[in-house]
Amino acid sequence: VLLMDEPSMGLAPALVQTNFELIQQIHEEGVAIFMVEQNANMALSIADRGWVLQTGRVVLDDSAEALLANPELRASYLGEGNR
């Protein structure tokens, strides 16, 4: 198990992409990864599952694919207002 806390914090966008590509490769090699990350779009793009915390409590728990498709989550947490 690999624990990661904000692996993209403070990095330039190009480095964030490279960093997440490396994390994805590690995952594909069979390593379980538990990551805390504010860049939810990037984290969920490589995740199997996600949890959304609000004031220290889990308010959503689903597959990464379902979380990315959730319109309420996208509006509230991923910076996509009603379009």
PDB file of N, CA and C in Angstrom:
ATOM      1  N   VAL A   1       0.851  -1.177   0.000  1.00  0.00           N
ATOM      2  CA  VAL A   1       0.000   0.000   0.000  1.00  0.00           C
ATOM      3  C   VAL A   1       0.892   1.235   0.000  1.00  0.00           C
ATOM      4  N   LEU A   2       0.574   2.162  -0.888  1.00  0.00           N
ATOM      5  CA  LEU A   2       1.283   3.438  -0.966  1.00  0.00           C
ATOM      6  C   LEU A   2       0.324   4.532  -0.513  1.00  0.00           C
ATOM      7  N   LEU A   3       0.705   5.290   0.503  1.00  0.00           N
ATOM      8  CA  LEU A   3      -0.098   6.407   0.997  1.00  0.00           C
ATOM      9  C   LEU A   3       0.475   7.696   0.427  1.00  0.00           C
ATOM     10  N   MET A   4      -0.391   8.541  -0.131  1.00  0.00           N
ATOM     11  CA  MET A   4       0.069   9.791  -0.744  1.00  0.00           C
ATOM     12  C   MET A   4      -0.790  10.949  -0.247  1.00  0.00           C
ATOM     13  N   ASP A   5      -0.131  12.031   0.138  1.00  0.00           N
ATOM     14  CA  ASP A   5      -0.821  13.225   0.614  1.00  0.00           C
ATOM     15  C   ASP A   5      -0.510  14.381  -0.332  1.00  0.00           C
ATOM     16  N   GLU A   6      -1.494  14.779  -1.116  1.00  0.00           N
ATOM     17  CA  GLU A   6      -1.392  15.909  -2.041  1.00  0.00           C
ATOM     18  C   GLU A   6      -0.178  15.812  -2.971  1.00  0.00           C
ATOM     19  N   PRO A   7      -0.088  14.757  -3.784  1.00  0.00           N
ATOM     20  CA  PRO A   7       1.086  14.614  -4.644  1.00  0.00           C
ATOM     21  C   PRO A   7       1.224  15.690  -5.723  1.00  0.00           C
ATOM     22  N   SER A   8       0.189  16.502  -5.947  1.00  0.00           N
ATOM     23  CA  SER A   8       0.305  17.551  -6.966  1.00  0.00           C
ATOM     24  C   SER A   8       0.517  18.940  -6.376  1.00  0.00           C
ATOM     25  N   MET A   9       0.503  19.052  -5.058  1.00  0.00           N
ATOM     26  CA  MET A   9       0.581  20.370  -4.426  1.00  0.00           C
ATOM     27  C   MET A   9       1.865  21.110  -4.821  1.00  0.00           C
ATOM     28  N   GLY A  10       1.688  22.323  -5.319  1.00  0.00           N
ATOM     29  CA  GLY A  10       2.809  23.190  -5.631  1.00  0.00           C
ATOM     30  C   GLY A  10       3.527  22.885  -6.933  1.00  0.00           C
ATOM     31  N   LEU A  11       3.021  21.942  -7.707  1.00  0.00           N
ATOM     32  CA  LEU A  11       3.694  21.568  -8.954  1.00  0.00           C
ATOM     33  C   LEU A  11       3.104  22.316 -10.150  1.00  0.00           C
ATOM     34  N   ALA A  12       3.941  22.582 -11.131  1.00  0.00           N
ATOM     35  CA  ALA A  12       3.478  23.159 -12.394  1.00  0.00           C
ATOM     36  C   ALA A  12       2.595  22.133 -13.101  1.00  0.00           C
ATOM     37  N   PRO A  13       1.629  22.574 -13.908  1.00  0.00           N
ATOM     38  CA  PRO A  13       0.718  21.638 -14.577  1.00  0.00           C
ATOM     39  C   PRO A  13       1.412  20.503 -15.329  1.00  0.00           C
ATOM     40  N   ALA A  14       2.504  20.785 -16.016  1.00  0.00           N
ATOM     41  CA  ALA A  14       3.206  19.719 -16.751  1.00  0.00           C
ATOM     42  C   ALA A  14       3.758  18.672 -15.793  1.00  0.00           C
ATOM     43  N   LEU A  15       4.238  19.116 -14.640  1.00  0.00           N
ATOM     44  CA  LEU A  15       4.758  18.173 -13.648  1.00  0.00           C
ATOM     45  C   LEU A  15       3.635  17.382 -12.988  1.00  0.00           C
ATOM     46  N   VAL A  16       2.478  18.013 -12.815  1.00  0.00           N
ATOM     47  CA  VAL A  16       1.327  17.294 -12.262  1.00  0.00           C
ATOM     48  C   VAL A  16       0.972  16.131 -13.181  1.00  0.00           C
ATOM     49  N   GLN A  17       0.909  16.390 -14.473  1.00  0.00           N
ATOM     50  CA  GLN A  17       0.581  15.340 -15.439  1.00  0.00           C
ATOM     51  C   GLN A  17       1.601  14.206 -15.365  1.00  0.00           C
ATOM     52  N   THR A  18       2.876  14.539 -15.351  1.00  0.00           N
ATOM     53  CA  THR A  18       3.935  13.527 -15.264  1.00  0.00           C
ATOM     54  C   THR A  18       3.828  12.737 -13.972  1.00  0.00           C
ATOM     55  N   ASN A  19       3.591  13.441 -12.880  1.00  0.00           N
ATOM     56  CA  ASN A  19       3.459  12.801 -11.574  1.00  0.00           C
ATOM     57  C   ASN A  19       2.311  11.787 -11.580  1.00  0.00           C
ATOM     58  N   PHE A  20       1.163  12.178 -12.131  1.00  0.00           N
ATOM     59  CA  PHE A  20       0.018  11.275 -12.145  1.00  0.00           C
ATOM     60  C   PHE A  20       0.222  10.111 -13.112  1.00  0.00           C
ATOM     61  N   GLU A  21       0.968  10.323 -14.174  1.00  0.00           N
ATOM     62  CA  GLU A  21       1.301   9.204 -15.061  1.00  0.00           C
ATOM     63  C   GLU A  21       2.146   8.177 -14.316  1.00  0.00           C
ATOM     64  N   LEU A  22       3.086   8.639 -13.497  1.00  0.00           N
ATOM     65  CA  LEU A  22       3.905   7.724 -12.696  1.00  0.00           C
ATOM     66  C   LEU A  22       3.064   6.998 -11.650  1.00  0.00           C
ATOM     67  N   ILE A  23       2.145   7.722 -11.023  1.00  0.00           N
ATOM     68  CA  ILE A  23       1.256   7.101 -10.037  1.00  0.00           C
ATOM     69  C   ILE A  23       0.407   6.026 -10.711  1.00  0.00           C
ATOM     70  N   GLN A  24      -0.104   6.312 -11.903  1.00  0.00           N
ATOM     71  CA  GLN A  24      -0.901   5.333 -12.649  1.00  0.00           C
ATOM     72  C   GLN A  24      -0.071   4.094 -12.963  1.00  0.00           C
ATOM     73  N   GLN A  25       1.180   4.272 -13.359  1.00  0.00           N
ATOM     74  CA  GLN A  25       2.055   3.130 -13.648  1.00  0.00           C
ATOM     75  C   GLN A  25       2.267   2.274 -12.405  1.00  0.00           C
ATOM     76  N   ILE A  26       2.476   2.917 -11.271  1.00  0.00           N
ATOM     77  CA  ILE A  26       2.649   2.179 -10.011  1.00  0.00           C
ATOM     78  C   ILE A  26       1.396   1.367  -9.714  1.00  0.00           C
ATOM     79  N   HIS A  27       0.233   1.986  -9.910  1.00  0.00           N
ATOM     80  CA  HIS A  27      -1.041   1.290  -9.674  1.00  0.00           C
ATOM     81  C   HIS A  27      -1.198   0.095 -10.615  1.00  0.00           C
ATOM     82  N   GLU A  28      -0.835   0.283 -11.874  1.00  0.00           N
ATOM     83  CA  GLU A  28      -0.954  -0.801 -12.858  1.00  0.00           C
ATOM     84  C   GLU A  28      -0.037  -1.976 -12.539  1.00  0.00           C
ATOM     85  N   GLU A  29       1.007  -1.725 -11.756  1.00  0.00           N
ATOM     86  CA  GLU A  29       1.901  -2.800 -11.324  1.00  0.00           C
ATOM     87  C   GLU A  29       1.345  -3.564 -10.128  1.00  0.00           C
ATOM     88  N   GLY A  30       0.151  -3.186  -9.673  1.00  0.00           N
ATOM     89  CA  GLY A  30      -0.514  -3.919  -8.605  1.00  0.00           C
ATOM     90  C   GLY A  30      -0.405  -3.313  -7.227  1.00  0.00           C
ATOM     91  N   VAL A  31       0.117  -2.111  -7.126  1.00  0.00           N
ATOM     92  CA  VAL A  31       0.245  -1.452  -5.831  1.00  0.00           C
ATOM     93  C   VAL A  31      -1.062  -0.728  -5.510  1.00  0.00           C
ATOM     94  N   ALA A  32      -1.610  -0.991  -4.330  1.00  0.00           N
ATOM     95  CA  ALA A  32      -2.793  -0.263  -3.871  1.00  0.00           C
ATOM     96  C   ALA A  32      -2.343   1.119  -3.413  1.00  0.00           C
ATOM     97  N   ILE A  33      -3.081   2.140  -3.830  1.00  0.00           N
ATOM     98  CA  ILE A  33      -2.709   3.519  -3.502  1.00  0.00           C
ATOM     99  C   ILE A  33      -3.880   4.194  -2.806  1.00  0.00           C
ATOM    100  N   PHE A  34      -3.594   4.805  -1.670  1.00  0.00           N
ATOM    101  CA  PHE A  34      -4.570   5.627  -0.956  1.00  0.00           C
ATOM    102  C   PHE A  34      -4.052   7.055  -1.029  1.00  0.00           C
ATOM    103  N   MET A  35      -4.820   7.927  -1.706  1.00  0.00           N
ATOM    104  CA  MET A  35      -4.352   9.281  -1.981  1.00  0.00           C
ATOM    105  C   MET A  35      -5.351  10.308  -1.468  1.00  0.00           C
ATOM    106  N   VAL A  36      -4.835  11.336  -0.826  1.00  0.00           N
ATOM    107  CA  VAL A  36      -5.613  12.522  -0.487  1.00  0.00           C
ATOM    108  C   VAL A  36      -5.159  13.589  -1.472  1.00  0.00           C
ATOM    109  N   GLU A  37      -6.106  14.154  -2.219  1.00  0.00           N
ATOM    110  CA  GLU A  37      -5.723  15.072  -3.299  1.00  0.00           C
ATOM    111  C   GLU A  37      -6.831  16.083  -3.540  1.00  0.00           C
ATOM    112  N   GLN A  38      -6.480  17.382  -3.573  1.00  0.00           N
ATOM    113  CA  GLN A  38      -7.469  18.416  -3.864  1.00  0.00           C
ATOM    114  C   GLN A  38      -7.788  18.516  -5.347  1.00  0.00           C
ATOM    115  N   ASN A  39      -6.891  18.068  -6.197  1.00  0.00           N
ATOM    116  CA  ASN A  39      -7.139  18.067  -7.640  1.00  0.00           C
ATOM    117  C   ASN A  39      -8.000  16.834  -7.947  1.00  0.00           C
ATOM    118  N   ALA A  40      -9.285  16.958  -7.631  1.00  0.00           N
ATOM    119  CA  ALA A  40     -10.188  15.805  -7.716  1.00  0.00           C
ATOM    120  C   ALA A  40     -10.308  15.259  -9.134  1.00  0.00           C
ATOM    121  N   ASN A  41     -10.365  16.124 -10.131  1.00  0.00           N
ATOM    122  CA  ASN A  41     -10.467  15.633 -11.512  1.00  0.00           C
ATOM    123  C   ASN A  41      -9.299  14.727 -11.860  1.00  0.00           C
ATOM    124  N   MET A  42      -8.101  15.160 -11.537  1.00  0.00           N
ATOM    125  CA  MET A  42      -6.913  14.378 -11.866  1.00  0.00           C
ATOM    126  C   MET A  42      -6.891  13.081 -11.054  1.00  0.00           C
ATOM    127  N   ALA A  43      -7.163  13.176  -9.770  1.00  0.00           N
ATOM    128  CA  ALA A  43      -7.133  11.980  -8.921  1.00  0.00           C
ATOM    129  C   ALA A  43      -8.175  10.961  -9.367  1.00  0.00           C
ATOM    130  N   LEU A  44      -9.389  11.421  -9.636  1.00  0.00           N
ATOM    131  CA  LEU A  44     -10.443  10.492 -10.046  1.00  0.00           C
ATOM    132  C   LEU A  44     -10.188   9.917 -11.435  1.00  0.00           C
ATOM    133  N   SER A  45      -9.426  10.623 -12.260  1.00  0.00           N
ATOM    134  CA  SER A  45      -9.144  10.108 -13.603  1.00  0.00           C
ATOM    135  C   SER A  45      -8.277   8.854 -13.572  1.00  0.00           C
ATOM    136  N   ILE A  46      -7.556   8.628 -12.477  1.00  0.00           N
ATOM    137  CA  ILE A  46      -6.721   7.426 -12.376  1.00  0.00           C
ATOM    138  C   ILE A  46      -7.183   6.488 -11.262  1.00  0.00           C
ATOM    139  N   ALA A  47      -8.244   6.863 -10.561  1.00  0.00           N
ATOM    140  CA  ALA A  47      -8.705   6.091  -9.400  1.00  0.00           C
ATOM    141  C   ALA A  47      -9.706   5.009  -9.794  1.00  0.00           C
ATOM    142  N   ASP A  48      -9.805   4.006  -8.943  1.00  0.00           N
ATOM    143  CA  ASP A  48     -10.869   3.013  -9.056  1.00  0.00           C
ATOM    144  C   ASP A  48     -12.084   3.461  -8.257  1.00  0.00           C
ATOM    145  N   ARG A  49     -11.840   4.102  -7.135  1.00  0.00           N
ATOM    146  CA  ARG A  49     -12.891   4.467  -6.198  1.00  0.00           C
ATOM    147  C   ARG A  49     -12.540   5.801  -5.565  1.00  0.00           C
ATOM    148  N   GLY A  50     -13.556   6.523  -5.095  1.00  0.00           N
ATOM    149  CA  GLY A  50     -13.310   7.801  -4.437  1.00  0.00           C
ATOM    150  C   GLY A  50     -14.264   8.039  -3.287  1.00  0.00           C
ATOM    151  N   TRP A  51     -13.814   8.851  -2.375  1.00  0.00           N
ATOM    152  CA  TRP A  51     -14.620   9.275  -1.239  1.00  0.00           C
ATOM    153  C   TRP A  51     -14.555  10.785  -1.187  1.00  0.00           C
ATOM    154  N   VAL A  52     -15.677  11.419  -0.900  1.00  0.00           N
ATOM    155  CA  VAL A  52     -15.729  12.867  -0.765  1.00  0.00           C
ATOM    156  C   VAL A  52     -16.007  13.166   0.699  1.00  0.00           C
ATOM    157  N   LEU A  53     -15.136  13.976   1.287  1.00  0.00           N
ATOM    158  CA  LEU A  53     -15.284  14.358   2.687  1.00  0.00           C
ATOM    159  C   LEU A  53     -15.799  15.782   2.778  1.00  0.00           C
ATOM    160  N   GLN A  54     -16.649  16.012   3.758  1.00  0.00           N
ATOM    161  CA  GLN A  54     -17.133  17.357   4.042  1.00  0.00           C
ATOM    162  C   GLN A  54     -17.107  17.513   5.554  1.00  0.00           C
ATOM    163  N   THR A  55     -16.377  18.477   6.033  1.00  0.00           N
ATOM    164  CA  THR A  55     -16.158  18.703   7.464  1.00  0.00           C
ATOM    165  C   THR A  55     -15.828  17.404   8.203  1.00  0.00           C
ATOM    166  N   GLY A  56     -14.935  16.636   7.599  1.00  0.00           N
ATOM    167  CA  GLY A  56     -14.426  15.431   8.239  1.00  0.00           C
ATOM    168  C   GLY A  56     -15.300  14.198   8.137  1.00  0.00           C
ATOM    169  N   ARG A  57     -16.383  14.275   7.412  1.00  0.00           N
ATOM    170  CA  ARG A  57     -17.290  13.128   7.264  1.00  0.00           C
ATOM    171  C   ARG A  57     -17.410  12.734   5.794  1.00  0.00           C
ATOM    172  N   VAL A  58     -17.528  11.436   5.563  1.00  0.00           N
ATOM    173  CA  VAL A  58     -17.727  10.943   4.202  1.00  0.00           C
ATOM    174  C   VAL A  58     -19.157  11.264   3.782  1.00  0.00           C
ATOM    175  N   VAL A  59     -19.302  12.032   2.694  1.00  0.00           N
ATOM    176  CA  VAL A  59     -20.631  12.379   2.187  1.00  0.00           C
ATOM    177  C   VAL A  59     -20.935  11.679   0.870  1.00  0.00           C
ATOM    178  N   LEU A  60     -19.904  11.187   0.185  1.00  0.00           N
ATOM    179  CA  LEU A  60     -20.082  10.411  -1.041  1.00  0.00           C
ATOM    180  C   LEU A  60     -19.020   9.332  -1.090  1.00  0.00           C
ATOM    181  N   ASP A  61     -19.417   8.166  -1.568  1.00  0.00           N
ATOM    182  CA  ASP A  61     -18.512   7.021  -1.700  1.00  0.00           C
ATOM    183  C   ASP A  61     -18.999   6.237  -2.905  1.00  0.00           C
ATOM    184  N   ASP A  62     -18.186   6.208  -3.966  1.00  0.00           N
ATOM    185  CA  ASP A  62     -18.631   5.530  -5.183  1.00  0.00           C
ATOM    186  C   ASP A  62     -17.420   5.234  -6.063  1.00  0.00           C
ATOM    187  N   SER A  63     -17.676   4.597  -7.187  1.00  0.00           N
ATOM    188  CA  SER A  63     -16.596   4.380  -8.154  1.00  0.00           C
ATOM    189  C   SER A  63     -16.142   5.741  -8.669  1.00  0.00           C
ATOM    190  N   ALA A  64     -14.898   5.819  -9.094  1.00  0.00           N
ATOM    191  CA  ALA A  64     -14.381   7.078  -9.636  1.00  0.00           C
ATOM    192  C   ALA A  64     -15.207   7.518 -10.838  1.00  0.00           C
ATOM    193  N   GLU A  65     -15.571   6.563 -11.674  1.00  0.00           N
ATOM    194  CA  GLU A  65     -16.366   6.872 -12.870  1.00  0.00           C
ATOM    195  C   GLU A  65     -17.705   7.504 -12.490  1.00  0.00           C
ATOM    196  N   ALA A  66     -18.377   6.930 -11.484  1.00  0.00           N
ATOM    197  CA  ALA A  66     -19.669   7.467 -11.049  1.00  0.00           C
ATOM    198  C   ALA A  66     -19.507   8.845 -10.421  1.00  0.00           C
ATOM    199  N   LEU A  67     -18.455   9.035  -9.643  1.00  0.00           N
ATOM    200  CA  LEU A  67     -18.232  10.346  -9.034  1.00  0.00           C
ATOM    201  C   LEU A  67     -17.968  11.404 -10.099  1.00  0.00           C
ATOM    202  N   LEU A  68     -17.175  11.076 -11.099  1.00  0.00           N
ATOM    203  CA  LEU A  68     -16.901  12.033 -12.176  1.00  0.00           C
ATOM    204  C   LEU A  68     -18.154  12.380 -12.975  1.00  0.00           C
ATOM    205  N   ALA A  69     -19.101  11.460 -13.039  1.00  0.00           N
ATOM    206  CA  ALA A  69     -20.334  11.685 -13.799  1.00  0.00           C
ATOM    207  C   ALA A  69     -21.433  12.346 -12.969  1.00  0.00           C
ATOM    208  N   ASN A  70     -21.238  12.479 -11.667  1.00  0.00           N
ATOM    209  CA  ASN A  70     -22.255  13.019 -10.770  1.00  0.00           C
ATOM    210  C   ASN A  70     -22.347  14.541 -10.954  1.00  0.00           C
ATOM    211  N   PRO A  71     -23.480  15.052 -11.487  1.00  0.00           N
ATOM    212  CA  PRO A  71     -23.577  16.486 -11.773  1.00  0.00           C
ATOM    213  C   PRO A  71     -23.513  17.354 -10.519  1.00  0.00           C
ATOM    214  N   GLU A  72     -24.064  16.879  -9.402  1.00  0.00           N
ATOM    215  CA  GLU A  72     -24.019  17.665  -8.169  1.00  0.00           C
ATOM    216  C   GLU A  72     -22.586  17.763  -7.652  1.00  0.00           C
ATOM    217  N   LEU A  73     -21.860  16.669  -7.735  1.00  0.00           N
ATOM    218  CA  LEU A  73     -20.458  16.673  -7.323  1.00  0.00           C
ATOM    219  C   LEU A  73     -19.648  17.588  -8.228  1.00  0.00           C
ATOM    220  N   ARG A  74     -19.890  17.513  -9.531  1.00  0.00           N
ATOM    221  CA  ARG A  74     -19.147  18.347 -10.477  1.00  0.00           C
ATOM    222  C   ARG A  74     -19.395  19.832 -10.175  1.00  0.00           C
ATOM    223  N   ALA A  75     -20.626  20.193  -9.864  1.00  0.00           N
ATOM    224  CA  ALA A  75     -20.947  21.591  -9.581  1.00  0.00           C
ATOM    225  C   ALA A  75     -20.365  22.047  -8.242  1.00  0.00           C
ATOM    226  N   SER A  76     -20.440  21.193  -7.230  1.00  0.00           N
ATOM    227  CA  SER A  76     -20.034  21.586  -5.883  1.00  0.00           C
ATOM    228  C   SER A  76     -18.538  21.497  -5.638  1.00  0.00           C
ATOM    229  N   TYR A  77     -17.898  20.457  -6.171  1.00  0.00           N
ATOM    230  CA  TYR A  77     -16.511  20.183  -5.803  1.00  0.00           C
ATOM    231  C   TYR A  77     -15.514  20.292  -6.947  1.00  0.00           C
ATOM    232  N   LEU A  78     -15.967  20.170  -8.167  1.00  0.00           N
ATOM    233  CA  LEU A  78     -15.031  20.145  -9.284  1.00  0.00           C
ATOM    234  C   LEU A  78     -15.046  21.440 -10.087  1.00  0.00           C
ATOM    235  N   GLY A  79     -15.703  22.474  -9.549  1.00  0.00           N
ATOM    236  CA  GLY A  79     -15.635  23.790 -10.158  1.00  0.00           C
ATOM    237  C   GLY A  79     -16.429  23.965 -11.429  1.00  0.00           C
ATOM    238  N   GLU A  80     -17.428  23.140 -11.615  1.00  0.00           N
ATOM    239  CA  GLU A  80     -18.251  23.262 -12.817  1.00  0.00           C
ATOM    240  C   GLU A  80     -19.653  23.668 -12.400  1.00  0.00           C
ATOM    241  N   GLY A  81     -19.946  24.945 -12.506  1.00  0.00           N
ATOM    242  CA  GLY A  81     -21.266  25.432 -12.158  1.00  0.00           C
ATOM    243  C   GLY A  81     -22.313  24.931 -13.129  1.00  0.00           C
ATOM    244  N   ASN A  82     -23.544  25.274 -12.871  1.00  0.00           N
ATOM    245  CA  ASN A  82     -24.629  24.870 -13.773  1.00  0.00           C
ATOM    246  C   ASN A  82     -24.404  25.497 -15.137  1.00  0.00           C
ATOM    247  N   ARG A  83     -24.384  24.647 -16.136  1.00  0.00           N
ATOM    248  CA  ARG A  83     -24.137  25.132 -17.501  1.00  0.00           C
ATOM    249  C   ARG A  83     -25.355  24.966 -18.343  1.00  0.00           C
TER     250      ARG A  83
END
